Amino acid sequence: MTFNQLSAMKAWMVDHRHGQPVEYHAWDAVLTLWLMGWMGAPAFIVLDNLWAEVACVALFFVPRAYLSLRRRLHTRQRLRCDWLHVVQPSGHAA
């Protein structure tokens, strides 16, 4: 995901937080994990803790994985995602 997509997604979540509080908090959890990866990686590199470094790098991909999961569930009509249009690359329909 690009930073523009992350920003657009966060803006949509904030605008719709009263109508969809679970979505809002789920996205905050995703962003928290992503930020933990970015903040933890340098510390664990300095501390020379390989497993923690790997875990932090894995956290870099949490937003993309969440988006992929939600897109797949939406496509299979298991879960409705009203915000998918916000993060679609240009030229793709939701």
PDB file of N, CA and C in Angstrom:
ATOM      1  N   MET A   1       0.842  -1.182   0.000  1.00  0.00           N
ATOM      2  CA  MET A   1       0.000   0.000   0.000  1.00  0.00           C
ATOM      3  C   MET A   1       0.885   1.243   0.000  1.00  0.00           C
ATOM      4  N   THR A   2       0.411   2.250  -0.683  1.00  0.00           N
ATOM      5  CA  THR A   2       1.142   3.516  -0.690  1.00  0.00           C
ATOM      6  C   THR A   2       0.705   4.346   0.519  1.00  0.00           C
ATOM      7  N   PHE A   3       1.484   5.367   0.821  1.00  0.00           N
ATOM      8  CA  PHE A   3       1.102   6.253   1.923  1.00  0.00           C
ATOM      9  C   PHE A   3      -0.190   7.002   1.597  1.00  0.00           C
ATOM     10  N   ASN A   4      -0.399   7.315   0.320  1.00  0.00           N
ATOM     11  CA  ASN A   4      -1.655   7.970  -0.070  1.00  0.00           C
ATOM     12  C   ASN A   4      -2.850   7.058   0.194  1.00  0.00           C
ATOM     13  N   GLN A   5      -2.694   5.772  -0.103  1.00  0.00           N
ATOM     14  CA  GLN A   5      -3.767   4.826   0.181  1.00  0.00           C
ATOM     15  C   GLN A   5      -3.995   4.689   1.680  1.00  0.00           C
ATOM     16  N   LEU A   6      -2.912   4.610   2.450  1.00  0.00           N
ATOM     17  CA  LEU A   6      -3.050   4.540   3.910  1.00  0.00           C
ATOM     18  C   LEU A   6      -3.768   5.773   4.444  1.00  0.00           C
ATOM     19  N   SER A   7      -3.389   6.930   3.928  1.00  0.00           N
ATOM     20  CA  SER A   7      -4.002   8.181   4.362  1.00  0.00           C
ATOM     21  C   SER A   7      -5.479   8.250   3.979  1.00  0.00           C
ATOM     22  N   ALA A   8      -5.794   7.857   2.753  1.00  0.00           N
ATOM     23  CA  ALA A   8      -7.194   7.867   2.308  1.00  0.00           C
ATOM     24  C   ALA A   8      -8.031   6.899   3.124  1.00  0.00           C
ATOM     25  N   MET A   9      -7.456   5.750   3.422  1.00  0.00           N
ATOM     26  CA  MET A   9      -8.166   4.750   4.220  1.00  0.00           C
ATOM     27  C   MET A   9      -8.425   5.284   5.628  1.00  0.00           C
ATOM     28  N   LYS A  10      -7.436   5.888   6.233  1.00  0.00           N
ATOM     29  CA  LYS A  10      -7.600   6.441   7.586  1.00  0.00           C
ATOM     30  C   LYS A  10      -8.650   7.551   7.571  1.00  0.00           C
ATOM     31  N   ALA A  11      -8.618   8.401   6.557  1.00  0.00           N
ATOM     32  CA  ALA A  11      -9.613   9.480   6.468  1.00  0.00           C
ATOM     33  C   ALA A  11     -11.020   8.906   6.340  1.00  0.00           C
ATOM     34  N   TRP A  12     -11.190   7.866   5.536  1.00  0.00           N
ATOM     35  CA  TRP A  12     -12.510   7.239   5.386  1.00  0.00           C
ATOM     36  C   TRP A  12     -12.959   6.655   6.711  1.00  0.00           C
ATOM     37  N   MET A  13     -12.051   5.993   7.413  1.00  0.00           N
ATOM     38  CA  MET A  13     -12.396   5.378   8.697  1.00  0.00           C
ATOM     39  C   MET A  13     -12.811   6.437   9.724  1.00  0.00           C
ATOM     40  N   VAL A  14     -12.095   7.531   9.758  1.00  0.00           N
ATOM     41  CA  VAL A  14     -12.433   8.601  10.702  1.00  0.00           C
ATOM     42  C   VAL A  14     -13.802   9.191  10.359  1.00  0.00           C
ATOM     43  N   ASP A  15     -14.072   9.400   9.075  1.00  0.00           N
ATOM     44  CA  ASP A  15     -15.371   9.943   8.655  1.00  0.00           C
ATOM     45  C   ASP A  15     -16.534   9.014   8.976  1.00  0.00           C
ATOM     46  N   HIS A  16     -16.292   7.716   9.005  1.00  0.00           N
ATOM     47  CA  HIS A  16     -17.363   6.738   9.195  1.00  0.00           C
ATOM     48  C   HIS A  16     -17.270   5.997  10.532  1.00  0.00           C
ATOM     49  N   ARG A  17     -16.488   6.514  11.478  1.00  0.00           N
ATOM     50  CA  ARG A  17     -16.252   5.782  12.725  1.00  0.00           C
ATOM     51  C   ARG A  17     -17.497   5.591  13.572  1.00  0.00           C
ATOM     52  N   HIS A  18     -18.459   6.502  13.483  1.00  0.00           N
ATOM     53  CA  HIS A  18     -19.670   6.351  14.299  1.00  0.00           C
ATOM     54  C   HIS A  18     -20.613   5.304  13.716  1.00  0.00           C
ATOM     55  N   GLY A  19     -20.632   5.183  12.415  1.00  0.00           N
ATOM     56  CA  GLY A  19     -21.495   4.196  11.778  1.00  0.00           C
ATOM     57  C   GLY A  19     -20.879   2.808  11.712  1.00  0.00           C
ATOM     58  N   GLN A  20     -19.544   2.745  11.750  1.00  0.00           N
ATOM     59  CA  GLN A  20     -18.842   1.469  11.647  1.00  0.00           C
ATOM     60  C   GLN A  20     -17.673   1.433  12.637  1.00  0.00           C
ATOM     61  N   PRO A  21     -17.988   1.386  13.940  1.00  0.00           N
ATOM     62  CA  PRO A  21     -16.913   1.454  14.938  1.00  0.00           C
ATOM     63  C   PRO A  21     -15.971   0.247  14.920  1.00  0.00           C
ATOM     64  N   VAL A  22     -16.455  -0.929  14.573  1.00  0.00           N
ATOM     65  CA  VAL A  22     -15.577  -2.100  14.538  1.00  0.00           C
ATOM     66  C   VAL A  22     -14.533  -1.944  13.433  1.00  0.00           C
ATOM     67  N   GLU A  23     -14.972  -1.467  12.262  1.00  0.00           N
ATOM     68  CA  GLU A  23     -14.041  -1.203  11.163  1.00  0.00           C
ATOM     69  C   GLU A  23     -12.974  -0.201  11.599  1.00  0.00           C
ATOM     70  N   TYR A  24     -13.419   0.845  12.256  1.00  0.00           N
ATOM     71  CA  TYR A  24     -12.518   1.897  12.704  1.00  0.00           C
ATOM     72  C   TYR A  24     -11.445   1.343  13.647  1.00  0.00           C
ATOM     73  N   HIS A  25     -11.872   0.546  14.619  1.00  0.00           N
ATOM     74  CA  HIS A  25     -10.920   0.004  15.594  1.00  0.00           C
ATOM     75  C   HIS A  25     -10.039  -1.088  14.979  1.00  0.00           C
ATOM     76  N   ALA A  26     -10.586  -1.855  14.055  1.00  0.00           N
ATOM     77  CA  ALA A  26      -9.770  -2.864  13.374  1.00  0.00           C
ATOM     78  C   ALA A  26      -8.660  -2.180  12.576  1.00  0.00           C
ATOM     79  N   TRP A  27      -9.006  -1.089  11.883  1.00  0.00           N
ATOM     80  CA  TRP A  27      -7.991  -0.386  11.103  1.00  0.00           C
ATOM     81  C   TRP A  27      -6.957   0.265  12.018  1.00  0.00           C
ATOM     82  N   ASP A  28      -7.385   0.778  13.162  1.00  0.00           N
ATOM     83  CA  ASP A  28      -6.422   1.323  14.126  1.00  0.00           C
ATOM     84  C   ASP A  28      -5.474   0.235  14.620  1.00  0.00           C
ATOM     85  N   ALA A  29      -5.985  -0.971  14.840  1.00  0.00           N
ATOM     86  CA  ALA A  29      -5.122  -2.081  15.260  1.00  0.00           C
ATOM     87  C   ALA A  29      -4.116  -2.416  14.166  1.00  0.00           C
ATOM     88  N   VAL A  30      -4.557  -2.416  12.921  1.00  0.00           N
ATOM     89  CA  VAL A  30      -3.658  -2.679  11.796  1.00  0.00           C
ATOM     90  C   VAL A  30      -2.561  -1.620  11.742  1.00  0.00           C
ATOM     91  N   LEU A  31      -2.944  -0.366  11.867  1.00  0.00           N
ATOM     92  CA  LEU A  31      -1.941   0.716  11.839  1.00  0.00           C
ATOM     93  C   LEU A  31      -1.004   0.641  13.040  1.00  0.00           C
ATOM     94  N   THR A  32      -1.513   0.240  14.191  1.00  0.00           N
ATOM     95  CA  THR A  32      -0.672   0.096  15.379  1.00  0.00           C
ATOM     96  C   THR A  32       0.376  -0.980  15.164  1.00  0.00           C
ATOM     97  N   LEU A  33      -0.023  -2.121  14.616  1.00  0.00           N
ATOM     98  CA  LEU A  33       0.937  -3.191  14.335  1.00  0.00           C
ATOM     99  C   LEU A  33       1.978  -2.741  13.314  1.00  0.00           C
ATOM    100  N   TRP A  34       1.522  -2.041  12.279  1.00  0.00           N
ATOM    101  CA  TRP A  34       2.429  -1.533  11.250  1.00  0.00           C
ATOM    102  C   TRP A  34       3.460  -0.577  11.865  1.00  0.00           C
ATOM    103  N   LEU A  35       2.978   0.325  12.702  1.00  0.00           N
ATOM    104  CA  LEU A  35       3.876   1.281  13.348  1.00  0.00           C
ATOM    105  C   LEU A  35       4.833   0.592  14.317  1.00  0.00           C
ATOM    106  N   MET A  36       4.355  -0.439  15.012  1.00  0.00           N
ATOM    107  CA  MET A  36       5.240  -1.200  15.897  1.00  0.00           C
ATOM    108  C   MET A  36       6.392  -1.827  15.103  1.00  0.00           C
ATOM    109  N   GLY A  37       6.084  -2.281  13.901  1.00  0.00           N
ATOM    110  CA  GLY A  37       7.140  -2.833  13.055  1.00  0.00           C
ATOM    111  C   GLY A  37       8.179  -1.792  12.697  1.00  0.00           C
ATOM    112  N   TRP A  38       7.716  -0.627  12.284  1.00  0.00           N
ATOM    113  CA  TRP A  38       8.647   0.433  11.896  1.00  0.00           C
ATOM    114  C   TRP A  38       9.447   0.964  13.077  1.00  0.00           C
ATOM    115  N   MET A  39       8.829   1.060  14.239  1.00  0.00           N
ATOM    116  CA  MET A  39       9.535   1.593  15.407  1.00  0.00           C
ATOM    117  C   MET A  39      10.432   0.540  16.056  1.00  0.00           C
ATOM    118  N   GLY A  40      10.023  -0.712  15.982  1.00  0.00           N
ATOM    119  CA  GLY A  40      10.789  -1.765  16.634  1.00  0.00           C
ATOM    120  C   GLY A  40      11.989  -2.231  15.838  1.00  0.00           C
ATOM    121  N   ALA A  41      11.912  -2.162  14.526  1.00  0.00           N
ATOM    122  CA  ALA A  41      12.996  -2.682  13.686  1.00  0.00           C
ATOM    123  C   ALA A  41      14.359  -2.065  14.017  1.00  0.00           C
ATOM    124  N   PRO A  42      14.469  -0.744  14.066  1.00  0.00           N
ATOM    125  CA  PRO A  42      15.802  -0.184  14.384  1.00  0.00           C
ATOM    126  C   PRO A  42      16.313  -0.603  15.766  1.00  0.00           C
ATOM    127  N   ALA A  43      15.410  -0.666  16.738  1.00  0.00           N
ATOM    128  CA  ALA A  43      15.839  -1.053  18.086  1.00  0.00           C
ATOM    129  C   ALA A  43      16.355  -2.488  18.107  1.00  0.00           C
ATOM    130  N   PHE A  44      15.640  -3.375  17.433  1.00  0.00           N
ATOM    131  CA  PHE A  44      16.065  -4.770  17.446  1.00  0.00           C
ATOM    132  C   PHE A  44      17.290  -5.012  16.574  1.00  0.00           C
ATOM    133  N   ILE A  45      17.506  -4.173  15.586  1.00  0.00           N
ATOM    134  CA  ILE A  45      18.744  -4.260  14.813  1.00  0.00           C
ATOM    135  C   ILE A  45      19.925  -3.895  15.705  1.00  0.00           C
ATOM    136  N   VAL A  46      19.768  -2.820  16.474  1.00  0.00           N
ATOM    137  CA  VAL A  46      20.827  -2.400  17.406  1.00  0.00           C
ATOM    138  C   VAL A  46      21.058  -3.470  18.470  1.00  0.00           C
ATOM    139  N   LEU A  47      19.972  -4.083  18.957  1.00  0.00           N
ATOM    140  CA  LEU A  47      20.096  -5.115  19.986  1.00  0.00           C
ATOM    141  C   LEU A  47      20.518  -6.471  19.410  1.00  0.00           C
ATOM    142  N   ASP A  48      20.614  -6.558  18.088  1.00  0.00           N
ATOM    143  CA  ASP A  48      21.039  -7.769  17.397  1.00  0.00           C
ATOM    144  C   ASP A  48      20.161  -8.972  17.766  1.00  0.00           C
ATOM    145  N   ASN A  49      18.853  -8.760  17.666  1.00  0.00           N
ATOM    146  CA  ASN A  49      17.884  -9.812  17.948  1.00  0.00           C
ATOM    147  C   ASN A  49      17.207 -10.188  16.624  1.00  0.00           C
ATOM    148  N   LEU A  50      17.721 -11.234  15.986  1.00  0.00           N
ATOM    149  CA  LEU A  50      17.281 -11.603  14.646  1.00  0.00           C
ATOM    150  C   LEU A  50      15.790 -11.919  14.583  1.00  0.00           C
ATOM    151  N   TRP A  51      15.273 -12.699  15.516  1.00  0.00           N
ATOM    152  CA  TRP A  51      13.860 -13.085  15.464  1.00  0.00           C
ATOM    153  C   TRP A  51      12.944 -11.881  15.617  1.00  0.00           C
ATOM    154  N   ALA A  52      13.317 -10.941  16.465  1.00  0.00           N
ATOM    155  CA  ALA A  52      12.509  -9.737  16.618  1.00  0.00           C
ATOM    156  C   ALA A  52      12.592  -8.864  15.365  1.00  0.00           C
ATOM    157  N   GLU A  53      13.751  -8.834  14.728  1.00  0.00           N
ATOM    158  CA  GLU A  53      13.892  -8.098  13.471  1.00  0.00           C
ATOM    159  C   GLU A  53      12.975  -8.678  12.408  1.00  0.00           C
ATOM    160  N   VAL A  54      12.949  -9.995  12.304  1.00  0.00           N
ATOM    161  CA  VAL A  54      12.094 -10.665  11.323  1.00  0.00           C
ATOM    162  C   VAL A  54      10.621 -10.368  11.623  1.00  0.00           C
ATOM    163  N   ALA A  55      10.253 -10.404  12.891  1.00  0.00           N
ATOM    164  CA  ALA A  55       8.869 -10.101  13.272  1.00  0.00           C
ATOM    165  C   ALA A  55       8.505  -8.667  12.896  1.00  0.00           C
ATOM    166  N   CYS A  56       9.410  -7.740  13.135  1.00  0.00           N
ATOM    167  CA  CYS A  56       9.150  -6.345  12.788  1.00  0.00           C
ATOM    168  C   CYS A  56       9.004  -6.164  11.283  1.00  0.00           C
ATOM    169  N   VAL A  57       9.848  -6.815  10.513  1.00  0.00           N
ATOM    170  CA  VAL A  57       9.746  -6.718   9.057  1.00  0.00           C
ATOM    171  C   VAL A  57       8.416  -7.317   8.600  1.00  0.00           C
ATOM    172  N   ALA A  58       7.991  -8.406   9.210  1.00  0.00           N
ATOM    173  CA  ALA A  58       6.697  -8.993   8.862  1.00  0.00           C
ATOM    174  C   ALA A  58       5.558  -8.015   9.147  1.00  0.00           C
ATOM    175  N   LEU A  59       5.691  -7.229  10.197  1.00  0.00           N
ATOM    176  CA  LEU A  59       4.648  -6.253  10.537  1.00  0.00           C
ATOM    177  C   LEU A  59       4.537  -5.138   9.502  1.00  0.00           C
ATOM    178  N   PHE A  60       5.588  -4.925   8.716  1.00  0.00           N
ATOM    179  CA  PHE A  60       5.513  -3.914   7.657  1.00  0.00           C
ATOM    180  C   PHE A  60       4.391  -4.223   6.674  1.00  0.00           C
ATOM    181  N   PHE A  61       4.062  -5.495   6.530  1.00  0.00           N
ATOM    182  CA  PHE A  61       3.104  -5.935   5.516  1.00  0.00           C
ATOM    183  C   PHE A  61       1.696  -6.145   6.048  1.00  0.00           C
ATOM    184  N   VAL A  62       1.439  -5.810   7.297  1.00  0.00           N
ATOM    185  CA  VAL A  62       0.111  -6.013   7.883  1.00  0.00           C
ATOM    186  C   VAL A  62      -0.972  -5.223   7.141  1.00  0.00           C
ATOM    187  N   PRO A  63      -0.787  -3.943   6.812  1.00  0.00           N
ATOM    188  CA  PRO A  63      -1.858  -3.243   6.088  1.00  0.00           C
ATOM    189  C   PRO A  63      -2.186  -3.881   4.739  1.00  0.00           C
ATOM    190  N   ARG A  64      -1.178  -4.278   4.003  1.00  0.00           N
ATOM    191  CA  ARG A  64      -1.412  -4.914   2.697  1.00  0.00           C
ATOM    192  C   ARG A  64      -2.119  -6.257   2.874  1.00  0.00           C
ATOM    193  N   ALA A  65      -1.710  -7.027   3.878  1.00  0.00           N
ATOM    194  CA  ALA A  65      -2.350  -8.320   4.134  1.00  0.00           C
ATOM    195  C   ALA A  65      -3.807  -8.130   4.552  1.00  0.00           C
ATOM    196  N   TYR A  66      -4.056  -7.124   5.396  1.00  0.00           N
ATOM    197  CA  TYR A  66      -5.426  -6.836   5.827  1.00  0.00           C
ATOM    198  C   TYR A  66      -6.289  -6.444   4.627  1.00  0.00           C
ATOM    199  N   LEU A  67      -5.741  -5.595   3.779  1.00  0.00           N
ATOM    200  CA  LEU A  67      -6.477  -5.176   2.585  1.00  0.00           C
ATOM    201  C   LEU A  67      -6.765  -6.368   1.675  1.00  0.00           C
ATOM    202  N   SER A  68      -5.791  -7.228   1.479  1.00  0.00           N
ATOM    203  CA  SER A  68      -5.988  -8.407   0.635  1.00  0.00           C
ATOM    204  C   SER A  68      -7.043  -9.334   1.213  1.00  0.00           C
ATOM    205  N   LEU A  69      -6.979  -9.546   2.517  1.00  0.00           N
ATOM    206  CA  LEU A  69      -7.974 -10.395   3.166  1.00  0.00           C
ATOM    207  C   LEU A  69      -9.372  -9.818   3.024  1.00  0.00           C
ATOM    208  N   ARG A  70      -9.506  -8.535   3.300  1.00  0.00           N
ATOM    209  CA  ARG A  70     -10.825  -7.900   3.205  1.00  0.00           C
ATOM    210  C   ARG A  70     -11.337  -7.884   1.776  1.00  0.00           C
ATOM    211  N   ARG A  71     -10.456  -7.644   0.812  1.00  0.00           N
ATOM    212  CA  ARG A  71     -10.863  -7.656  -0.591  1.00  0.00           C
ATOM    213  C   ARG A  71     -11.347  -9.052  -0.992  1.00  0.00           C
ATOM    214  N   ARG A  72     -10.622 -10.081  -0.557  1.00  0.00           N
ATOM    215  CA  ARG A  72     -11.013 -11.454  -0.869  1.00  0.00           C
ATOM    216  C   ARG A  72     -12.359 -11.805  -0.229  1.00  0.00           C
ATOM    217  N   LEU A  73     -12.552 -11.423   1.033  1.00  0.00           N
ATOM    218  CA  LEU A  73     -13.829 -11.693   1.710  1.00  0.00           C
ATOM    219  C   LEU A  73     -14.979 -10.931   1.057  1.00  0.00           C
ATOM    220  N   HIS A  74     -14.712  -9.718   0.617  1.00  0.00           N
ATOM    221  CA  HIS A  74     -15.741  -8.919  -0.055  1.00  0.00           C
ATOM    222  C   HIS A  74     -16.113  -9.555  -1.401  1.00  0.00           C
ATOM    223  N   THR A  75     -15.118  -9.990  -2.138  1.00  0.00           N
ATOM    224  CA  THR A  75     -15.361 -10.611  -3.440  1.00  0.00           C
ATOM    225  C   THR A  75     -16.185 -11.889  -3.293  1.00  0.00           C
ATOM    226  N   ARG A  76     -15.935 -12.641  -2.240  1.00  0.00           N
ATOM    227  CA  ARG A  76     -16.684 -13.875  -1.992  1.00  0.00           C
ATOM    228  C   ARG A  76     -18.005 -13.629  -1.273  1.00  0.00           C
ATOM    229  N   GLN A  77     -18.325 -12.367  -1.059  1.00  0.00           N
ATOM    230  CA  GLN A  77     -19.561 -11.933  -0.398  1.00  0.00           C
ATOM    231  C   GLN A  77     -19.696 -12.511   1.009  1.00  0.00           C
ATOM    232  N   ARG A  78     -18.575 -12.601   1.706  1.00  0.00           N
ATOM    233  CA  ARG A  78     -18.559 -13.049   3.103  1.00  0.00           C
ATOM    234  C   ARG A  78     -18.613 -11.865   4.063  1.00  0.00           C
ATOM    235  N   LEU A  79     -18.105 -10.725   3.586  1.00  0.00           N
ATOM    236  CA  LEU A  79     -18.008  -9.540   4.421  1.00  0.00           C
ATOM    237  C   LEU A  79     -18.078  -8.320   3.519  1.00  0.00           C
ATOM    238  N   ARG A  80     -18.934  -7.380   3.858  1.00  0.00           N
ATOM    239  CA  ARG A  80     -19.065  -6.185   3.033  1.00  0.00           C
ATOM    240  C   ARG A  80     -18.015  -5.151   3.435  1.00  0.00           C
ATOM    241  N   CYS A  81     -17.348  -4.596   2.448  1.00  0.00           N
ATOM    242  CA  CYS A  81     -16.330  -3.581   2.696  1.00  0.00           C
ATOM    243  C   CYS A  81     -16.699  -2.335   1.908  1.00  0.00           C
ATOM    244  N   ASP A  82     -17.267  -1.354   2.581  1.00  0.00           N
ATOM    245  CA  ASP A  82     -17.685  -0.121   1.921  1.00  0.00           C
ATOM    246  C   ASP A  82     -16.513   0.772   1.542  1.00  0.00           C
ATOM    247  N   TRP A  83     -15.346   0.501   2.070  1.00  0.00           N
ATOM    248  CA  TRP A  83     -14.203   1.386   1.878  1.00  0.00           C
ATOM    249  C   TRP A  83     -13.233   0.908   0.804  1.00  0.00           C
ATOM    250  N   LEU A  84     -13.504  -0.206   0.147  1.00  0.00           N
ATOM    251  CA  LEU A  84     -12.549  -0.715  -0.846  1.00  0.00           C
ATOM    252  C   LEU A  84     -12.277   0.267  -1.979  1.00  0.00           C
ATOM    253  N   HIS A  85     -13.273   1.041  -2.354  1.00  0.00           N
ATOM    254  CA  HIS A  85     -13.081   2.001  -3.446  1.00  0.00           C
ATOM    255  C   HIS A  85     -12.015   3.043  -3.111  1.00  0.00           C
ATOM    256  N   VAL A  86     -11.791   3.283  -1.840  1.00  0.00           N
ATOM    257  CA  VAL A  86     -10.830   4.300  -1.398  1.00  0.00           C
ATOM    258  C   VAL A  86      -9.395   3.877  -1.714  1.00  0.00           C
ATOM    259  N   VAL A  87      -9.112   2.596  -1.662  1.00  0.00           N
ATOM    260  CA  VAL A  87      -7.733   2.120  -1.834  1.00  0.00           C
ATOM    261  C   VAL A  87      -7.512   1.406  -3.165  1.00  0.00           C
ATOM    262  N   GLN A  88      -8.481   1.454  -4.071  1.00  0.00           N
ATOM    263  CA  GLN A  88      -8.310   0.826  -5.375  1.00  0.00           C
ATOM    264  C   GLN A  88      -7.304   1.615  -6.211  1.00  0.00           C
ATOM    265  N   PRO A  89      -6.401   0.911  -6.871  1.00  0.00           N
ATOM    266  CA  PRO A  89      -5.518   1.618  -7.817  1.00  0.00           C
ATOM    267  C   PRO A  89      -6.373   2.242  -8.922  1.00  0.00           C
ATOM    268  N   SER A  90      -5.910   3.328  -9.501  1.00  0.00           N
ATOM    269  CA  SER A  90      -6.687   3.976 -10.557  1.00  0.00           C
ATOM    270  C   SER A  90      -6.878   3.011 -11.717  1.00  0.00           C
ATOM    271  N   GLY A  91      -8.089   3.031 -12.270  1.00  0.00           N
ATOM    272  CA  GLY A  91      -8.413   2.151 -13.375  1.00  0.00           C
ATOM    273  C   GLY A  91      -9.045   0.839 -12.957  1.00  0.00           C
ATOM    274  N   HIS A  92      -9.192   0.608 -11.658  1.00  0.00           N
ATOM    275  CA  HIS A  92      -9.815  -0.633 -11.172  1.00  0.00           C
ATOM    276  C   HIS A  92     -11.108  -0.292 -10.443  1.00  0.00           C
ATOM    277  N   ALA A  93     -12.117  -1.072 -10.645  1.00  0.00           N
ATOM    278  CA  ALA A  93     -13.401  -0.879  -9.970  1.00  0.00           C
ATOM    279  C   ALA A  93     -13.452  -1.757  -8.723  1.00  0.00           C
ATOM    280  N   ALA A  94     -14.245  -1.320  -7.773  1.00  0.00           N
ATOM    281  CA  ALA A  94     -14.388  -2.082  -6.524  1.00  0.00           C
ATOM    282  C   ALA A  94     -15.289  -3.268  -6.706  1.00  0.00           C
TER     283      ALA A  94
END
